[in-house]
């Protein structure tokens, strides 16, 4: 694999995010995201994230394409009793799977979350996304349980696995 750089996202990355997200959405068993999510993204979207949000991209140095990203956000912004808890999503271009990008994004995400005073991740993964579940569990996440009919996409209910990790 060619050289990648991992860095904080900037507003100019939004168009490249949309391309990656469209690719992921077109694989129906990967995410609960859908087109509406993309339509809301504008060039100021990154700046409008929570002040405590962390958005890291994996960028190909030669062609500047985004191969993956992780988004870390506060679990519940309106309740200070959860200030120490964050959610994490990792998204990698399917053509780049198996090349360590997800693992590296997870490692950097954990480091950056700890620096931002988060103490715990509490997040969800589609129950049928075995590759993602394997990545998280292999890197210290613990399965809490299954939430049935958690989301609905294309008129089908989706179960998710709730996972957590102390930092």
N, C-alpha and C. Protein backbone atom coordinates (compact mmCIF):
# COMPACT_ATOMS: atom_id res chain seq x y z
N UNK A 1 0.85 -1.18 0.00
CA UNK A 1 0.00 0.00 0.00
C UNK A 1 0.88 1.23 0.00
N UNK A 2 0.47 2.22 -0.78
CA UNK A 2 1.20 3.47 -0.82
C UNK A 2 1.13 4.16 0.53
N UNK A 3 1.94 5.17 0.69
CA UNK A 3 2.05 5.91 1.94
C UNK A 3 0.76 6.64 2.29
N UNK A 4 0.35 6.52 3.55
CA UNK A 4 -0.82 7.21 4.07
C UNK A 4 -0.40 8.13 5.19
N UNK A 5 -1.14 9.20 5.34
CA UNK A 5 -0.95 10.10 6.47
C UNK A 5 -2.26 10.12 7.25
N UNK A 6 -2.15 10.17 8.56
CA UNK A 6 -3.30 10.24 9.44
C UNK A 6 -3.28 11.61 10.08
N UNK A 7 -4.40 12.34 9.95
CA UNK A 7 -4.44 13.72 10.43
C UNK A 7 -5.86 14.12 10.77
N UNK A 8 -5.98 15.27 11.45
CA UNK A 8 -7.30 15.83 11.73
C UNK A 8 -7.93 16.30 10.42
N UNK A 9 -9.22 16.12 10.30
CA UNK A 9 -9.94 16.56 9.11
C UNK A 9 -10.03 18.08 9.07
N UNK A 10 -10.10 18.59 7.86
CA UNK A 10 -10.29 20.02 7.63
C UNK A 10 -11.52 20.21 6.74
N UNK A 11 -12.11 21.41 6.72
CA UNK A 11 -13.33 21.62 5.93
C UNK A 11 -13.20 21.21 4.46
N UNK A 12 -12.04 21.37 3.90
CA UNK A 12 -11.85 21.01 2.49
C UNK A 12 -11.96 19.51 2.24
N UNK A 13 -11.99 18.71 3.27
CA UNK A 13 -12.12 17.26 3.13
C UNK A 13 -13.56 16.80 2.87
N UNK A 14 -14.54 17.66 3.05
CA UNK A 14 -15.94 17.25 3.03
C UNK A 14 -16.32 16.55 1.72
N UNK A 15 -15.91 17.08 0.58
CA UNK A 15 -16.26 16.43 -0.70
C UNK A 15 -15.70 15.03 -0.78
N UNK A 16 -14.49 14.84 -0.29
CA UNK A 16 -13.87 13.51 -0.32
C UNK A 16 -14.55 12.57 0.67
N UNK A 17 -15.06 13.12 1.78
CA UNK A 17 -15.84 12.31 2.72
C UNK A 17 -17.09 11.79 2.03
N UNK A 18 -17.76 12.65 1.31
CA UNK A 18 -19.00 12.25 0.65
C UNK A 18 -18.75 11.10 -0.30
N UNK A 19 -17.66 11.15 -1.03
CA UNK A 19 -17.33 10.07 -1.96
C UNK A 19 -17.13 8.76 -1.21
N UNK A 20 -16.40 8.80 -0.12
CA UNK A 20 -16.16 7.59 0.68
C UNK A 20 -17.46 7.08 1.30
N UNK A 21 -18.26 7.98 1.85
CA UNK A 21 -19.51 7.56 2.48
C UNK A 21 -20.45 6.94 1.46
N UNK A 22 -20.52 7.52 0.26
CA UNK A 22 -21.36 6.93 -0.80
C UNK A 22 -20.92 5.50 -1.11
N UNK A 23 -19.62 5.29 -1.18
CA UNK A 23 -19.09 3.96 -1.44
C UNK A 23 -19.54 2.99 -0.35
N UNK A 24 -19.46 3.41 0.89
CA UNK A 24 -19.84 2.56 2.02
C UNK A 24 -21.35 2.31 2.03
N UNK A 25 -22.13 3.35 1.78
CA UNK A 25 -23.58 3.21 1.78
C UNK A 25 -24.04 2.25 0.69
N UNK A 26 -23.32 2.22 -0.41
CA UNK A 26 -23.69 1.32 -1.50
C UNK A 26 -23.44 -0.14 -1.17
N UNK A 27 -22.80 -0.43 -0.07
CA UNK A 27 -22.65 -1.80 0.44
C UNK A 27 -23.64 -1.91 1.60
N UNK A 28 -24.83 -2.39 1.36
CA UNK A 28 -25.93 -2.27 2.32
C UNK A 28 -25.70 -2.92 3.68
N UNK A 29 -24.79 -3.86 3.80
CA UNK A 29 -24.61 -4.53 5.09
C UNK A 29 -23.50 -3.91 5.94
N UNK A 30 -23.02 -2.74 5.59
CA UNK A 30 -21.91 -2.16 6.32
C UNK A 30 -22.31 -1.13 7.37
N UNK A 31 -23.36 -0.39 7.10
CA UNK A 31 -23.65 0.75 7.95
C UNK A 31 -25.15 0.97 8.06
N UNK A 32 -25.54 1.76 9.04
CA UNK A 32 -26.93 2.17 9.11
C UNK A 32 -27.09 3.56 8.49
N UNK A 33 -26.00 4.13 7.98
CA UNK A 33 -26.08 5.43 7.31
C UNK A 33 -26.86 5.29 6.01
N UNK A 34 -27.43 6.40 5.56
CA UNK A 34 -28.17 6.40 4.30
C UNK A 34 -27.96 7.74 3.60
N UNK A 35 -28.53 7.93 2.44
CA UNK A 35 -28.31 9.13 1.62
C UNK A 35 -28.61 10.43 2.35
N UNK A 36 -29.63 10.44 3.19
CA UNK A 36 -29.98 11.67 3.90
C UNK A 36 -28.79 12.22 4.67
N UNK A 37 -28.01 11.33 5.25
CA UNK A 37 -26.82 11.74 6.00
C UNK A 37 -25.88 12.54 5.10
N UNK A 38 -25.65 12.06 3.90
CA UNK A 38 -24.75 12.74 2.98
C UNK A 38 -25.30 14.10 2.57
N UNK A 39 -26.59 14.15 2.28
CA UNK A 39 -27.17 15.38 1.76
C UNK A 39 -26.98 16.56 2.70
N UNK A 40 -26.89 16.30 3.99
CA UNK A 40 -26.73 17.39 4.95
C UNK A 40 -25.31 17.92 5.07
N UNK A 41 -24.36 17.24 4.48
CA UNK A 41 -22.97 17.67 4.61
C UNK A 41 -22.69 18.85 3.70
N UNK A 42 -22.14 19.89 4.28
CA UNK A 42 -21.71 21.07 3.54
C UNK A 42 -20.28 21.37 3.97
N UNK A 43 -19.68 22.33 3.33
CA UNK A 43 -18.28 22.61 3.62
C UNK A 43 -18.03 23.08 5.05
N UNK A 44 -19.05 23.57 5.74
CA UNK A 44 -18.84 23.98 7.12
C UNK A 44 -19.23 22.88 8.12
N UNK A 45 -19.56 21.69 7.62
CA UNK A 45 -20.00 20.61 8.49
C UNK A 45 -18.97 20.24 9.54
N UNK A 46 -17.72 20.18 9.15
CA UNK A 46 -16.67 19.81 10.10
C UNK A 46 -16.59 20.85 11.22
N UNK A 47 -16.70 22.11 10.85
CA UNK A 47 -16.64 23.17 11.86
C UNK A 47 -17.86 23.16 12.77
N UNK A 48 -18.97 22.57 12.32
CA UNK A 48 -20.20 22.54 13.11
C UNK A 48 -20.28 21.33 14.04
N UNK A 49 -19.30 20.44 13.98
CA UNK A 49 -19.29 19.32 14.91
C UNK A 49 -19.14 19.85 16.33
N UNK A 50 -19.47 19.03 17.29
CA UNK A 50 -19.28 19.40 18.69
C UNK A 50 -17.84 19.84 18.91
N UNK A 51 -17.62 20.83 19.76
CA UNK A 51 -16.24 21.25 20.05
C UNK A 51 -15.35 20.11 20.56
N UNK A 52 -15.96 19.08 21.12
CA UNK A 52 -15.19 17.95 21.63
C UNK A 52 -15.07 16.81 20.63
N UNK A 53 -15.65 16.98 19.45
CA UNK A 53 -15.56 15.94 18.42
C UNK A 53 -14.14 15.85 17.88
N UNK A 54 -13.77 14.65 17.49
CA UNK A 54 -12.45 14.38 16.91
C UNK A 54 -12.70 13.64 15.60
N UNK A 55 -12.21 14.19 14.52
CA UNK A 55 -12.39 13.58 13.21
C UNK A 55 -11.01 13.41 12.58
N UNK A 56 -10.60 12.15 12.45
CA UNK A 56 -9.28 11.80 11.91
C UNK A 56 -9.46 11.13 10.56
N UNK A 57 -8.65 11.53 9.58
CA UNK A 57 -8.71 10.91 8.25
C UNK A 57 -7.41 10.17 7.96
N UNK A 58 -7.55 9.18 7.11
CA UNK A 58 -6.41 8.48 6.53
C UNK A 58 -6.35 8.92 5.08
N UNK A 59 -5.32 9.66 4.74
CA UNK A 59 -5.23 10.25 3.41
C UNK A 59 -4.06 9.66 2.64
N UNK A 60 -4.33 9.27 1.41
CA UNK A 60 -3.29 8.78 0.50
C UNK A 60 -2.41 9.96 0.11
N UNK A 61 -1.11 9.86 0.35
CA UNK A 61 -0.23 11.00 0.11
C UNK A 61 -0.13 11.38 -1.37
N UNK A 62 -0.15 10.40 -2.24
CA UNK A 62 0.04 10.69 -3.66
C UNK A 62 -1.18 11.33 -4.30
N UNK A 63 -2.34 10.67 -4.18
CA UNK A 63 -3.53 11.19 -4.88
C UNK A 63 -4.50 11.94 -3.98
N UNK A 64 -4.17 12.06 -2.69
CA UNK A 64 -4.95 12.83 -1.71
C UNK A 64 -6.36 12.29 -1.47
N UNK A 65 -6.61 11.04 -1.83
CA UNK A 65 -7.92 10.46 -1.54
C UNK A 65 -7.99 10.05 -0.07
N UNK A 66 -9.18 10.11 0.47
CA UNK A 66 -9.38 9.67 1.85
C UNK A 66 -9.74 8.19 1.81
N UNK A 67 -8.93 7.38 2.46
CA UNK A 67 -9.12 5.93 2.47
C UNK A 67 -9.96 5.48 3.66
N UNK A 68 -10.04 6.33 4.67
CA UNK A 68 -10.83 5.99 5.85
C UNK A 68 -10.88 7.17 6.80
N UNK A 69 -11.77 7.07 7.78
CA UNK A 69 -11.82 8.10 8.82
C UNK A 69 -12.47 7.54 10.07
N UNK A 70 -12.20 8.20 11.17
CA UNK A 70 -12.88 7.88 12.42
C UNK A 70 -13.47 9.17 12.97
N UNK A 71 -14.68 9.05 13.47
CA UNK A 71 -15.36 10.19 14.09
C UNK A 71 -15.66 9.81 15.53
N UNK A 72 -15.15 10.63 16.43
CA UNK A 72 -15.35 10.45 17.87
C UNK A 72 -16.15 11.65 18.34
N UNK A 73 -17.26 11.37 19.02
CA UNK A 73 -18.12 12.46 19.50
C UNK A 73 -18.57 12.17 20.93
N UNK A 74 -18.93 13.23 21.65
CA UNK A 74 -19.47 13.00 23.00
C UNK A 74 -20.69 12.10 22.95
N UNK A 75 -20.81 11.23 23.93
CA UNK A 75 -21.94 10.31 24.00
C UNK A 75 -23.26 11.06 24.20
N UNK A 76 -23.28 12.02 25.10
CA UNK A 76 -24.50 12.79 25.38
C UNK A 76 -24.09 14.21 25.76
N UNK A 77 -24.18 15.11 24.82
CA UNK A 77 -23.70 16.49 25.01
C UNK A 77 -24.44 17.26 26.11
N UNK A 78 -25.67 16.90 26.38
CA UNK A 78 -26.49 17.70 27.28
C UNK A 78 -26.46 17.24 28.73
N UNK A 79 -25.70 16.19 29.01
CA UNK A 79 -25.62 15.65 30.37
C UNK A 79 -24.17 15.55 30.80
N UNK A 80 -23.77 16.39 31.75
CA UNK A 80 -22.37 16.41 32.17
C UNK A 80 -21.92 15.11 32.84
N UNK A 81 -22.87 14.33 33.32
CA UNK A 81 -22.49 13.06 33.94
C UNK A 81 -21.91 12.09 32.92
N UNK A 82 -22.06 12.40 31.63
CA UNK A 82 -21.49 11.56 30.56
C UNK A 82 -20.31 12.22 29.84
N UNK A 83 -19.77 13.29 30.38
CA UNK A 83 -18.69 14.01 29.71
C UNK A 83 -17.47 13.14 29.43
N UNK A 84 -17.31 12.09 30.19
CA UNK A 84 -16.14 11.22 30.04
C UNK A 84 -16.35 10.12 28.99
N UNK A 85 -17.55 10.06 28.38
CA UNK A 85 -17.90 8.98 27.47
C UNK A 85 -18.02 9.52 26.04
N UNK A 86 -17.46 8.77 25.09
CA UNK A 86 -17.52 9.13 23.67
C UNK A 86 -18.03 7.96 22.85
N UNK A 87 -18.54 8.28 21.68
CA UNK A 87 -18.87 7.26 20.69
C UNK A 87 -17.78 7.28 19.63
N UNK A 88 -17.65 6.20 18.90
CA UNK A 88 -16.63 6.12 17.85
C UNK A 88 -17.20 5.37 16.66
N UNK A 89 -17.00 5.93 15.49
CA UNK A 89 -17.32 5.24 14.25
C UNK A 89 -16.07 5.20 13.38
N UNK A 90 -15.82 4.07 12.76
CA UNK A 90 -14.67 3.92 11.87
C UNK A 90 -15.19 3.49 10.50
N UNK A 91 -14.74 4.17 9.48
CA UNK A 91 -15.19 3.90 8.12
C UNK A 91 -13.96 3.78 7.22
N UNK A 92 -13.85 2.68 6.50
CA UNK A 92 -12.71 2.45 5.61
C UNK A 92 -13.24 2.05 4.24
N UNK A 93 -12.65 2.63 3.22
CA UNK A 93 -13.01 2.29 1.84
C UNK A 93 -12.86 0.78 1.65
N UNK A 94 -13.89 0.11 1.14
CA UNK A 94 -13.82 -1.35 1.01
C UNK A 94 -12.59 -1.86 0.24
N UNK A 95 -12.12 -1.14 -0.77
CA UNK A 95 -10.93 -1.56 -1.51
C UNK A 95 -9.67 -1.51 -0.65
N UNK A 96 -9.76 -0.85 0.50
CA UNK A 96 -8.59 -0.72 1.38
C UNK A 96 -8.68 -1.59 2.63
N UNK A 97 -9.68 -2.46 2.68
CA UNK A 97 -9.81 -3.36 3.82
C UNK A 97 -8.61 -4.29 3.91
N UNK A 98 -8.29 -4.69 5.12
CA UNK A 98 -7.21 -5.66 5.34
C UNK A 98 -5.82 -5.06 5.24
N UNK A 99 -5.72 -3.76 5.20
CA UNK A 99 -4.43 -3.10 5.06
C UNK A 99 -4.01 -2.35 6.33
N UNK A 100 -4.77 -2.55 7.40
CA UNK A 100 -4.40 -1.95 8.68
C UNK A 100 -4.91 -0.54 8.90
N UNK A 101 -5.70 -0.01 7.97
CA UNK A 101 -6.19 1.36 8.11
C UNK A 101 -7.17 1.48 9.27
N UNK A 102 -8.13 0.57 9.36
CA UNK A 102 -9.09 0.60 10.47
C UNK A 102 -8.40 0.47 11.82
N UNK A 103 -7.44 -0.46 11.90
CA UNK A 103 -6.70 -0.65 13.16
C UNK A 103 -5.95 0.62 13.54
N UNK A 104 -5.31 1.24 12.57
CA UNK A 104 -4.54 2.46 12.86
C UNK A 104 -5.46 3.62 13.24
N UNK A 105 -6.61 3.74 12.56
CA UNK A 105 -7.57 4.78 12.93
C UNK A 105 -8.09 4.55 14.35
N UNK A 106 -8.30 3.29 14.71
CA UNK A 106 -8.76 2.97 16.05
C UNK A 106 -7.68 3.34 17.09
N UNK A 107 -6.43 3.01 16.80
CA UNK A 107 -5.34 3.33 17.72
C UNK A 107 -5.20 4.84 17.92
N UNK A 108 -5.19 5.57 16.81
CA UNK A 108 -5.05 7.03 16.89
C UNK A 108 -6.28 7.62 17.58
N UNK A 109 -7.46 7.09 17.25
CA UNK A 109 -8.68 7.57 17.89
C UNK A 109 -8.64 7.41 19.40
N UNK A 110 -8.16 6.27 19.87
CA UNK A 110 -8.04 6.04 21.32
C UNK A 110 -7.06 7.02 21.95
N UNK A 111 -5.93 7.24 21.30
CA UNK A 111 -4.92 8.18 21.80
C UNK A 111 -5.50 9.60 21.88
N UNK A 112 -6.14 10.03 20.81
CA UNK A 112 -6.69 11.38 20.76
C UNK A 112 -7.85 11.55 21.74
N UNK A 113 -8.66 10.53 21.91
CA UNK A 113 -9.77 10.59 22.86
C UNK A 113 -9.25 10.74 24.28
N UNK A 114 -8.21 10.00 24.62
CA UNK A 114 -7.63 10.10 25.96
C UNK A 114 -7.07 11.51 26.19
N UNK A 115 -6.41 12.08 25.19
CA UNK A 115 -5.89 13.45 25.30
C UNK A 115 -7.02 14.46 25.50
N UNK A 116 -8.19 14.16 24.92
CA UNK A 116 -9.35 15.05 25.02
C UNK A 116 -10.16 14.78 26.30
N UNK A 117 -9.60 13.99 27.20
CA UNK A 117 -10.18 13.71 28.51
C UNK A 117 -11.39 12.77 28.48
N UNK A 118 -11.51 12.02 27.39
CA UNK A 118 -12.50 10.95 27.40
C UNK A 118 -11.89 9.78 28.15
N UNK A 119 -12.73 9.03 28.85
CA UNK A 119 -12.26 7.88 29.62
C UNK A 119 -12.85 6.57 29.13
N UNK A 120 -13.84 6.68 28.25
CA UNK A 120 -14.55 5.48 27.83
C UNK A 120 -15.19 5.69 26.46
N UNK A 121 -15.21 4.60 25.68
CA UNK A 121 -16.01 4.56 24.46
C UNK A 121 -17.23 3.68 24.73
N UNK A 122 -18.37 4.12 24.24
CA UNK A 122 -19.61 3.37 24.29
C UNK A 122 -20.25 3.56 22.93
N UNK A 123 -20.29 2.51 22.13
CA UNK A 123 -20.73 2.69 20.75
C UNK A 123 -21.43 1.44 20.23
N UNK A 124 -21.85 1.50 18.99
CA UNK A 124 -22.59 0.39 18.39
C UNK A 124 -21.96 -0.01 17.06
N UNK A 125 -22.16 -1.28 16.71
CA UNK A 125 -21.73 -1.82 15.42
C UNK A 125 -22.86 -2.71 14.92
N UNK A 126 -23.13 -2.65 13.64
CA UNK A 126 -24.14 -3.56 13.09
C UNK A 126 -23.81 -4.99 13.48
N UNK A 127 -24.81 -5.72 13.88
CA UNK A 127 -24.61 -7.10 14.31
C UNK A 127 -24.02 -7.98 13.20
N UNK A 128 -24.37 -7.69 11.95
CA UNK A 128 -23.88 -8.49 10.83
C UNK A 128 -22.56 -7.97 10.24
N UNK A 129 -21.97 -6.93 10.85
CA UNK A 129 -20.68 -6.43 10.37
C UNK A 129 -19.56 -7.11 11.18
N UNK A 130 -19.34 -8.36 10.85
CA UNK A 130 -18.39 -9.19 11.59
C UNK A 130 -16.97 -8.62 11.54
N UNK A 131 -16.58 -8.11 10.39
CA UNK A 131 -15.23 -7.54 10.24
C UNK A 131 -15.00 -6.40 11.25
N UNK A 132 -15.97 -5.50 11.37
CA UNK A 132 -15.84 -4.38 12.30
C UNK A 132 -15.86 -4.86 13.75
N UNK A 133 -16.76 -5.79 14.05
CA UNK A 133 -16.81 -6.32 15.42
C UNK A 133 -15.48 -6.97 15.81
N UNK A 134 -14.92 -7.73 14.89
CA UNK A 134 -13.62 -8.38 15.14
C UNK A 134 -12.54 -7.34 15.43
N UNK A 135 -12.52 -6.27 14.64
CA UNK A 135 -11.53 -5.20 14.84
C UNK A 135 -11.65 -4.60 16.23
N UNK A 136 -12.86 -4.24 16.62
CA UNK A 136 -13.05 -3.61 17.92
C UNK A 136 -12.69 -4.56 19.06
N UNK A 137 -13.19 -5.78 19.02
CA UNK A 137 -12.93 -6.73 20.10
C UNK A 137 -11.44 -7.05 20.19
N UNK A 138 -10.79 -7.23 19.07
CA UNK A 138 -9.35 -7.52 19.04
C UNK A 138 -8.54 -6.38 19.66
N UNK A 139 -9.12 -5.18 19.65
CA UNK A 139 -8.42 -4.01 20.18
C UNK A 139 -9.00 -3.52 21.50
N UNK A 140 -9.54 -4.45 22.28
CA UNK A 140 -9.89 -4.16 23.66
C UNK A 140 -11.31 -3.75 23.95
N UNK A 141 -12.18 -3.72 22.96
CA UNK A 141 -13.58 -3.41 23.22
C UNK A 141 -14.28 -4.65 23.76
N UNK A 142 -15.22 -4.44 24.63
CA UNK A 142 -15.99 -5.51 25.25
C UNK A 142 -17.43 -5.44 24.75
N UNK A 143 -18.01 -6.58 24.42
CA UNK A 143 -19.40 -6.62 23.99
C UNK A 143 -20.30 -6.51 25.21
N UNK A 144 -21.20 -5.53 25.18
CA UNK A 144 -22.15 -5.31 26.27
C UNK A 144 -23.43 -6.09 26.02
N UNK A 145 -23.89 -6.08 24.76
CA UNK A 145 -25.12 -6.80 24.44
C UNK A 145 -25.60 -6.45 23.05
N UNK A 146 -26.80 -6.92 22.72
CA UNK A 146 -27.39 -6.68 21.41
C UNK A 146 -28.64 -5.83 21.59
N UNK A 147 -28.78 -4.82 20.76
CA UNK A 147 -30.01 -4.02 20.71
C UNK A 147 -30.76 -4.43 19.45
N UNK A 148 -31.90 -5.03 19.64
CA UNK A 148 -32.70 -5.53 18.51
C UNK A 148 -33.53 -4.42 17.89
N UNK A 149 -33.69 -4.48 16.57
CA UNK A 149 -34.47 -3.49 15.83
C UNK A 149 -34.04 -2.06 16.15
N UNK A 150 -32.76 -1.86 16.32
CA UNK A 150 -32.21 -0.56 16.72
C UNK A 150 -32.38 0.49 15.63
N UNK A 151 -32.19 0.08 14.39
CA UNK A 151 -32.31 1.00 13.26
C UNK A 151 -33.18 0.37 12.18
N UNK A 152 -33.59 1.23 11.25
CA UNK A 152 -34.40 0.74 10.14
C UNK A 152 -33.83 1.34 8.86
N UNK A 153 -33.47 0.48 7.94
CA UNK A 153 -32.89 0.93 6.67
C UNK A 153 -33.55 0.12 5.56
N UNK A 154 -34.03 0.81 4.54
CA UNK A 154 -34.71 0.14 3.42
C UNK A 154 -35.84 -0.76 3.92
N UNK A 155 -36.58 -0.28 4.91
CA UNK A 155 -37.74 -0.97 5.48
C UNK A 155 -37.39 -2.26 6.22
N UNK A 156 -36.11 -2.44 6.53
CA UNK A 156 -35.68 -3.62 7.29
C UNK A 156 -35.06 -3.15 8.61
N UNK A 157 -35.41 -3.87 9.67
CA UNK A 157 -34.83 -3.56 10.97
C UNK A 157 -33.41 -4.12 11.05
N UNK A 158 -32.58 -3.41 11.79
CA UNK A 158 -31.17 -3.78 11.93
C UNK A 158 -30.85 -3.90 13.42
N UNK A 159 -30.27 -5.03 13.79
CA UNK A 159 -29.78 -5.21 15.15
C UNK A 159 -28.35 -4.68 15.22
N UNK A 160 -27.99 -4.16 16.39
CA UNK A 160 -26.62 -3.68 16.60
C UNK A 160 -26.05 -4.31 17.86
N UNK A 161 -24.74 -4.41 17.88
CA UNK A 161 -24.02 -4.87 19.07
C UNK A 161 -23.50 -3.65 19.79
N UNK A 162 -23.79 -3.54 21.06
CA UNK A 162 -23.30 -2.45 21.89
C UNK A 162 -21.95 -2.86 22.44
N UNK A 163 -20.95 -2.00 22.27
CA UNK A 163 -19.59 -2.31 22.73
C UNK A 163 -19.06 -1.14 23.56
N UNK A 164 -18.06 -1.43 24.39
CA UNK A 164 -17.45 -0.39 25.21
C UNK A 164 -15.98 -0.69 25.43
N UNK A 165 -15.25 0.37 25.75
CA UNK A 165 -13.83 0.22 26.09
C UNK A 165 -13.45 1.33 27.04
N UNK A 166 -12.77 0.96 28.12
CA UNK A 166 -12.21 1.97 29.02
C UNK A 166 -10.85 2.38 28.46
N UNK A 167 -10.59 3.66 28.47
CA UNK A 167 -9.32 4.17 27.94
C UNK A 167 -8.27 4.28 29.03
